[in-house]
C-alpha atoms as a PDB file:
ATOM      1  CA  SER A   1      74.382  77.388 125.775  1.00  0.00           C
ATOM      2  CA  GLN A   2      71.850  74.969 126.882  1.00  0.00           C
ATOM      3  CA  GLY A   3      69.674  74.143 129.736  1.00  0.00           C
ATOM      4  CA  THR A   4      68.287  70.696 131.158  1.00  0.00           C
ATOM      5  CA  ALA A   5      64.750  71.955 130.247  1.00  0.00           C
ATOM      6  CA  ALA A   6      65.728  72.187 126.590  1.00  0.00           C
ATOM      7  CA  ILE A   7      67.516  68.707 126.472  1.00  0.00           C
ATOM      8  CA  GLY A   8      64.920  66.581 128.789  1.00  0.00           C
ATOM      9  CA  ASP A   9      66.671  63.491 129.873  1.00  0.00           C
ATOM     10  CA  VAL A  10      70.259  63.878 129.440  1.00  0.00           C
ATOM     11  CA  ASN A  11      71.759  61.046 127.191  1.00  0.00           C
ATOM     12  CA  CYS A  12      73.961  59.963 129.795  1.00  0.00           C
ATOM     13  CA  SER A  13      71.143  58.703 131.957  1.00  0.00           C
ATOM     14  CA  TYR A  14      71.759  61.183 134.937  1.00  0.00           C
ATOM     15  CA  GLY A  15      69.184  62.440 137.090  1.00  0.00           C
ATOM     16  CA  ILE A  16      68.050  66.300 136.177  1.00  0.00           C
ATOM     17  CA  SER A  17      66.249  68.971 138.152  1.00  0.00           C
ATOM     18  CA  SER A  18      65.537  72.867 137.227  1.00  0.00           C
ATOM     19  CA  ASN A  19      65.343  76.253 138.511  1.00  0.00           C
ATOM     20  CA  PRO A  20      68.403  76.202 138.359  1.00  0.00           C
ATOM     21  CA  ASP A  21      69.173  73.825 135.750  1.00  0.00           C
ATOM     22  CA  LYS A  22      71.126  70.953 137.711  1.00  0.00           C
ATOM     23  CA  VAL A  23      72.289  67.397 136.868  1.00  0.00           C
ATOM     24  CA  ASN A  24      72.710  64.763 139.383  1.00  0.00           C
ATOM     25  CA  THR A  25      76.392  63.403 139.988  1.00  0.00           C
ATOM     26  CA  VAL A  26      77.973  66.719 138.747  1.00  0.00           C
ATOM     27  CA  VAL A  27      80.149  68.236 141.024  1.00  0.00           C
ATOM     28  CA  THR A  28      81.406  71.137 139.290  1.00  0.00           C
ATOM     29  CA  GLY A  29      79.144  74.525 139.689  1.00  0.00           C
ATOM     30  CA  SER A  30      77.153  72.705 142.372  1.00  0.00           C
ATOM     31  CA  GLY A  31      75.634  70.551 139.540  1.00  0.00           C
ATOM     32  CA  THR A  32      75.321  73.555 137.206  1.00  0.00           C
ATOM     33  CA  PHE A  33      78.313  73.062 134.983  1.00  0.00           C
ATOM     34  CA  PHE A  34      77.621  70.749 132.571  1.00  0.00           C
ATOM     35  CA  GLY A  35      78.072  69.905 128.760  1.00  0.00           C
ATOM     36  CA  ALA A  36      76.944  68.094 125.597  1.00  0.00           C
ATOM     37  CA  ILE A  37      79.670  66.775 123.684  1.00  0.00           C
ATOM     38  CA  ASN A  38      79.591  66.324 119.616  1.00  0.00           C
ATOM     39  CA  THR A  39      78.635  62.671 118.341  1.00  0.00           C
ATOM     40  CA  THR A  40      82.159  61.702 117.537  1.00  0.00           C
ATOM     41  CA  ASP A  41      83.776  62.883 121.022  1.00  0.00           C
ATOM     42  CA  TYR A  42      80.798  61.236 122.670  1.00  0.00           C
ATOM     43  CA  GLU A  43      81.644  57.785 121.432  1.00  0.00           C
ATOM     44  CA  THR A  44      78.470  55.734 122.267  1.00  0.00           C
ATOM     45  CA  ALA A  45      78.589  57.360 125.720  1.00  0.00           C
ATOM     46  CA  ALA A  46      82.363  56.815 126.260  1.00  0.00           C
ATOM     47  CA  ALA A  47      82.671  60.449 127.349  1.00  0.00           C
ATOM     48  CA  CYS A  48      79.922  60.017 129.841  1.00  0.00           C
ATOM     49  CA  GLY A  49      80.814  61.445 133.370  1.00  0.00           C
ATOM     50  CA  ALA A  50      84.210  62.650 131.889  1.00  0.00           C
ATOM     51  CA  CYS A  51      85.184  66.351 133.320  1.00  0.00           C
ATOM     52  CA  VAL A  52      86.396  68.761 130.845  1.00  0.00           C
ATOM     53  CA  GLU A  53      88.524  72.129 131.467  1.00  0.00           C
ATOM     54  CA  VAL A  54      87.116  74.647 128.781  1.00  0.00           C
ATOM     55  CA  SER A  55      89.288  77.531 128.146  1.00  0.00           C
ATOM     56  CA  ARG A  56      89.007  80.705 126.438  1.00  0.00           C
ATOM     57  CA  ASP A  57      91.535  83.200 124.932  1.00  0.00           C
ATOM     58  CA  ASN A  58      90.313  85.812 127.294  1.00  0.00           C
ATOM     59  CA  GLY A  59      91.976  83.553 130.170  1.00  0.00           C
ATOM     60  CA  LYS A  60      88.472  82.532 131.518  1.00  0.00           C
ATOM     61  CA  LYS A  61      88.110  78.736 132.225  1.00  0.00           C
ATOM     62  CA  VAL A  62      85.426  76.535 133.689  1.00  0.00           C
ATOM     63  CA  THR A  63      85.616  72.800 134.255  1.00  0.00           C
ATOM     64  CA  ILE A  64      82.614  71.015 133.426  1.00  0.00           C
ATOM     65  CA  THR A  65      81.057  67.447 133.371  1.00  0.00           C
ATOM     66  CA  ILE A  66      79.864  65.572 130.042  1.00  0.00           C
ATOM     67  CA  VAL A  67      76.466  64.492 130.596  1.00  0.00           C
ATOM     68  CA  ASP A  68      74.883  64.597 126.927  1.00  0.00           C
ATOM     69  CA  GLN A  69      75.324  64.193 123.292  1.00  0.00           C
ATOM     70  CA  CYS A  70      75.091  67.074 120.944  1.00  0.00           C
ATOM     71  CA  PRO A  71      74.071  64.968 117.821  1.00  0.00           C
ATOM     72  CA  VAL A  72      75.705  66.228 114.657  1.00  0.00           C
ATOM     73  CA  ALA A  73      72.604  64.438 112.590  1.00  0.00           C
ATOM     74  CA  THR A  74      70.283  67.088 113.856  1.00  0.00           C
ATOM     75  CA  ASN A  75      72.819  70.099 114.745  1.00  0.00           C
ATOM     76  CA  PRO A  76      75.572  70.949 112.125  1.00  0.00           C
ATOM     77  CA  LYS A  77      77.352  72.820 114.811  1.00  0.00           C
ATOM     78  CA  CYS A  78      78.178  69.574 116.624  1.00  0.00           C
ATOM     79  CA  VAL A  79      81.326  68.522 114.511  1.00  0.00           C
ATOM     80  CA  LYS A  80      84.217  67.052 116.170  1.00  0.00           C
ATOM     81  CA  GLY A  81      85.474  69.163 119.265  1.00  0.00           C
ATOM     82  CA  HIS A  82      82.413  71.162 119.763  1.00  0.00           C
ATOM     83  CA  ILE A  83      80.786  70.974 123.171  1.00  0.00           C
ATOM     84  CA  ASP A  84      77.544  72.820 124.292  1.00  0.00           C
ATOM     85  CA  LEU A  85      77.633  74.365 127.744  1.00  0.00           C
ATOM     86  CA  SER A  86      75.185  74.787 130.099  1.00  0.00           C
ATOM     87  CA  LYS A  87      73.926  78.325 130.702  1.00  0.00           C
ATOM     88  CA  ALA A  88      75.673  78.721 133.932  1.00  0.00           C
ATOM     89  CA  ALA A  89      79.216  77.093 132.432  1.00  0.00           C
ATOM     90  CA  PHE A  90      78.965  79.263 129.700  1.00  0.00           C
ATOM     91  CA  LEU A  91      78.469  82.459 131.521  1.00  0.00           C
ATOM     92  CA  GLU A  92      81.615  81.603 133.191  1.00  0.00           C
ATOM     93  CA  LEU A  93      83.466  82.171 129.815  1.00  0.00           C
ATOM     94  CA  GLY A  94      81.213  85.047 128.155  1.00  0.00           C
ATOM     95  CA  GLN A  95      78.010  86.855 127.997  1.00  0.00           C
ATOM     96  CA  GLU A  96      74.760  85.658 127.406  1.00  0.00           C
ATOM     97  CA  SER A  97      74.575  87.743 124.260  1.00  0.00           C
ATOM     98  CA  GLU A  98      77.472  86.209 122.456  1.00  0.00           C
ATOM     99  CA  GLY A  99      75.415  82.736 122.555  1.00  0.00           C
ATOM    100  CA  TYR A 100      77.959  80.941 120.540  1.00  0.00           C
ATOM    101  CA  VAL A 101      81.754  81.352 121.108  1.00  0.00           C
ATOM    102  CA  GLY A 102      84.887  79.686 118.993  1.00  0.00           C
ATOM    103  CA  ALA A 103      86.632  79.976 115.851  1.00  0.00           C
ATOM    104  CA  ARG A 104      83.878  78.944 113.515  1.00  0.00           C
ATOM    105  CA  ALA A 105      81.186  81.422 115.275  1.00  0.00           C
ATOM    106  CA  GLY A 106      84.121  84.153 114.924  1.00  0.00           C
ATOM    107  CA  VAL A 107      83.852  85.192 118.648  1.00  0.00           C
ATOM    108  CA  GLY A 108      86.914  84.118 120.766  1.00  0.00           C
ATOM    109  CA  ASN A 109      88.980  80.990 120.569  1.00  0.00           C
ATOM    110  CA  ILE A 110      87.846  77.833 122.811  1.00  0.00           C
ATOM    111  CA  SER A 111      90.242  74.949 123.746  1.00  0.00           C
ATOM    112  CA  TRP A 112      89.527  72.027 126.244  1.00  0.00           C
ATOM    113  CA  LYS A 113      91.009  69.057 127.818  1.00  0.00           C
ATOM    114  CA  TYR A 114      89.820  66.146 130.264  1.00  0.00           C
ATOM    115  CA  VAL A 115      90.767  66.506 133.569  1.00  0.00           C
ATOM    116  CA  PRO A 116      89.969  64.400 136.821  1.00  0.00           C
ATOM    117  CA  CYS A 117      86.582  65.148 138.377  1.00  0.00           C
ATOM    118  CA  ALA A 118      87.015  66.398 141.750  1.00  0.00           C
ATOM    119  CA  THR A 119      84.152  64.330 143.162  1.00  0.00           C
ATOM    120  CA  THR A 120      84.434  63.631 146.847  1.00  0.00           C
ATOM    121  CA  ALA A 121      82.080  60.590 146.679  1.00  0.00           C
ATOM    122  CA  ASP A 122      82.606  57.016 145.843  1.00  0.00           C
ATOM    123  CA  VAL A 123      81.615  55.194 142.756  1.00  0.00           C
ATOM    124  CA  ALA A 124      78.079  54.291 142.568  1.00  0.00           C
ATOM    125  CA  PHE A 125      76.209  51.966 140.629  1.00  0.00           C
ATOM    126  CA  ARG A 126      72.207  52.252 139.688  1.00  0.00           C
ATOM    127  CA  LEU A 127      70.077  49.625 138.232  1.00  0.00           C
ATOM    128  CA  LYS A 128      67.865  50.897 135.192  1.00  0.00           C
ATOM    129  CA  GLU A 129      64.784  48.475 136.342  1.00  0.00           C
ATOM    130  CA  PRO A 130      65.145  47.888 140.164  1.00  0.00           C
ATOM    131  CA  ALA A 131      62.230  45.736 140.486  1.00  0.00           C
ATOM    132  CA  ASN A 132      63.070  43.487 137.815  1.00  0.00           C
ATOM    133  CA  THR A 133      64.494  40.075 138.948  1.00  0.00           C
ATOM    134  CA  TYR A 134      65.119  38.562 135.434  1.00  0.00           C
ATOM    135  CA  TRP A 135      66.767  41.468 133.359  1.00  0.00           C
ATOM    136  CA  ASN A 136      68.729  44.429 134.048  1.00  0.00           C
ATOM    137  CA  MET A 137      71.285  47.167 133.168  1.00  0.00           C
ATOM    138  CA  VAL A 138      73.458  49.187 135.321  1.00  0.00           C
ATOM    139  CA  VAL A 139      74.860  52.792 135.096  1.00  0.00           C
ATOM    140  CA  VAL A 140      78.210  53.830 136.877  1.00  0.00           C
ATOM    141  CA  GLU A 141      78.140  57.388 138.329  1.00  0.00           C
ATOM    142  CA  ASN A 142      80.475  59.459 140.289  1.00  0.00           C
ATOM    143  CA  HIS A 143      83.578  58.289 138.951  1.00  0.00           C
ATOM    144  CA  VAL A 144      87.045  60.276 138.608  1.00  0.00           C
ATOM    145  CA  TYR A 145      87.920  59.230 135.365  1.00  0.00           C
ATOM    146  CA  PRO A 146      85.690  57.954 132.135  1.00  0.00           C
ATOM    147  CA  ILE A 147      84.583  54.406 132.338  1.00  0.00           C
ATOM    148  CA  ALA A 148      86.112  51.935 130.099  1.00  0.00           C
ATOM    149  CA  SER A 149      84.642  48.845 130.861  1.00  0.00           C
ATOM    150  CA  VAL A 150      82.121  47.016 133.164  1.00  0.00           C
ATOM    151  CA  GLN A 151      81.715  43.242 134.162  1.00  0.00           C
ATOM    152  CA  VAL A 152      79.014  41.578 136.009  1.00  0.00           C
ATOM    153  CA  LYS A 153      79.816  38.408 138.074  1.00  0.00           C
ATOM    154  CA  VAL A 154      77.448  35.619 137.675  1.00  0.00           C
ATOM    155  CA  GLY A 155      78.189  32.790 139.876  1.00  0.00           C
ATOM    156  CA  SER A 156      81.685  32.440 139.796  1.00  0.00           C
ATOM    157  CA  GLU A 157      82.224  33.953 136.043  1.00  0.00           C
ATOM    158  CA  TRP A 158      82.719  37.800 135.210  1.00  0.00           C
ATOM    159  CA  ARG A 159      80.751  38.653 132.020  1.00  0.00           C
ATOM    160  CA  ASN A 160      81.815  41.552 129.950  1.00  0.00           C
ATOM    161  CA  ALA A 161      78.767  43.990 129.599  1.00  0.00           C
ATOM    162  CA  SER A 162      78.421  46.293 126.331  1.00  0.00           C
ATOM    163  CA  ARG A 163      77.750  50.181 126.674  1.00  0.00           C
ATOM    164  CA  SER A 164      74.494  51.509 125.461  1.00  0.00           C
ATOM    165  CA  GLU A 165      74.304  54.779 123.557  1.00  0.00           C
ATOM    166  CA  PHE A 166      72.582  56.080 126.793  1.00  0.00           C
ATOM    167  CA  ASN A 167      75.141  54.920 129.206  1.00  0.00           C
ATOM    168  CA  TYR A 168      73.785  52.056 130.668  1.00  0.00           C
ATOM    169  CA  TRP A 169      75.914  48.826 130.683  1.00  0.00           C
ATOM    170  CA  LEU A 170      74.125  45.572 129.402  1.00  0.00           C
ATOM    171  CA  PRO A 171      75.420  42.166 130.596  1.00  0.00           C
ATOM    172  CA  PRO A 172      74.597  39.009 128.018  1.00  0.00           C
ATOM    173  CA  GLY A 173      71.093  38.650 127.749  1.00  0.00           C
ATOM    174  CA  GLY A 174      70.736  41.356 130.768  1.00  0.00           C
ATOM    175  CA  VAL A 175      71.517  38.332 133.540  1.00  0.00           C
ATOM    176  CA  MET A 176      73.039  40.071 136.193  1.00  0.00           C
ATOM    177  CA  GLY A 177      72.870  36.934 138.568  1.00  0.00           C
ATOM    178  CA  THR A 178      71.546  36.751 142.119  1.00  0.00           C
ATOM    179  CA  SER A 179      70.898  40.314 144.001  1.00  0.00           C
ATOM    180  CA  PRO A 180      72.972  41.938 145.251  1.00  0.00           C
ATOM    181  CA  TYR A 181      74.704  42.217 141.889  1.00  0.00           C
ATOM    182  CA  THR A 182      78.530  42.359 141.786  1.00  0.00           C
ATOM    183  CA  ILE A 183      79.994  44.890 139.472  1.00  0.00           C
ATOM    184  CA  ARG A 184      83.302  45.596 138.301  1.00  0.00           C
ATOM    185  CA  ALA A 185      83.899  48.826 136.675  1.00  0.00           C
ATOM    186  CA  THR A 186      87.603  49.754 135.092  1.00  0.00           C
ATOM    187  CA  ASP A 187      88.532  53.298 134.174  1.00  0.00           C
ATOM    188  CA  VAL A 188      90.435  54.547 131.147  1.00  0.00           C
ATOM    189  CA  ASN A 189      93.541  54.295 133.065  1.00  0.00           C
ATOM    190  CA  GLY A 190      93.090  50.674 134.021  1.00  0.00           C
ATOM    191  CA  ALA A 191      91.994  51.275 137.514  1.00  0.00           C
ATOM    192  CA  ILE A 192      89.144  48.674 139.052  1.00  0.00           C
ATOM    193  CA  VAL A 193      86.359  49.477 141.449  1.00  0.00           C
ATOM    194  CA  GLU A 194      84.096  46.512 142.435  1.00  0.00           C
ATOM    195  CA  GLY A 195      80.876  47.245 144.327  1.00  0.00           C
ATOM    196  CA  THR A 196      77.273  45.674 144.837  1.00  0.00           C
ATOM    197  CA  VAL A 197      74.101  46.970 143.768  1.00  0.00           C
ATOM    198  CA  ALA A 198      70.646  45.407 144.967  1.00  0.00           C
ATOM    199  CA  LEU A 199      67.256  45.112 143.688  1.00  0.00           C
ATOM    200  CA  GLY A 200      64.471  47.129 145.042  1.00  0.00           C
ATOM    201  CA  SER A 201      65.963  50.623 145.172  1.00  0.00           C
ATOM    202  CA  SER A 202      65.855  53.311 142.176  1.00  0.00           C
ATOM    203  CA  SER A 203      68.832  55.434 143.944  1.00  0.00           C
ATOM    204  CA  SER A 204      72.641  55.202 143.311  1.00  0.00           C
ATOM    205  CA  GLN A 205      74.134  52.574 145.357  1.00  0.00           C
ATOM    206  CA  SER A 206      77.610  53.355 146.611  1.00  0.00           C
ATOM    207  CA  SER A 207      80.692  51.170 145.970  1.00  0.00           C
ATOM    208  CA  GLY A 208      82.283  52.049 148.942  1.00  0.00           C
ATOM    209  CA  GLU A 209      85.536  52.601 146.602  1.00  0.00           C
ATOM    210  CA  GLN A 210      86.787  55.585 144.173  1.00  0.00           C
ATOM    211  CA  PHE A 211      89.474  55.221 141.346  1.00  0.00           C
ATOM    212  CA  MET A 212      92.839  56.806 142.651  1.00  0.00           C
ATOM    213  CA  CYS A 213      93.750  60.388 141.210  1.00  0.00           C
ATOM    214  CA  GLU A 214      97.001  60.232 139.306  1.00  0.00           C
END
């Protein structure tokens, strides 16, 4: 199990708080049910914001949100399929004394699958540098399904942004156009949400829309 104090700023660039450990935008467990997924399944932040239902062979289940990467380069446990759980999420499945549960640990069996996030909020956008007129990146938050692509409208042209390892999306040269910027996010099902985000605020800015649950 893990906590935000142990991992610092989460790789997915979501805000954190502690006592108890919470991650902003995480709906499950009032922000306390989250996890760090292995490097392979993290897939350069493609898993960020995805919700995962984790099940144990004793019938217990917990739904978490992926907010971080468990790097195999520094942690040999973090092979494909592995997820580190927050302490609160882990305690939904087992005892703190167990520490590590799963077939490779010899304690219980674990399976997991992606599920829609049960958020009631709209998709939101947040700028990396809200005071920078000339260069920026944007992170997408509060989505029901993982994000597949992001575009930024500059003039009349939609420009494809590239996803960074820390979940911000960078348009070519960091050029966002004229504030308020127009952003288009497409989820893994091909659904699209468009919204605007303006300079001057370090807070998430609502798009007023949400991806439809299937």
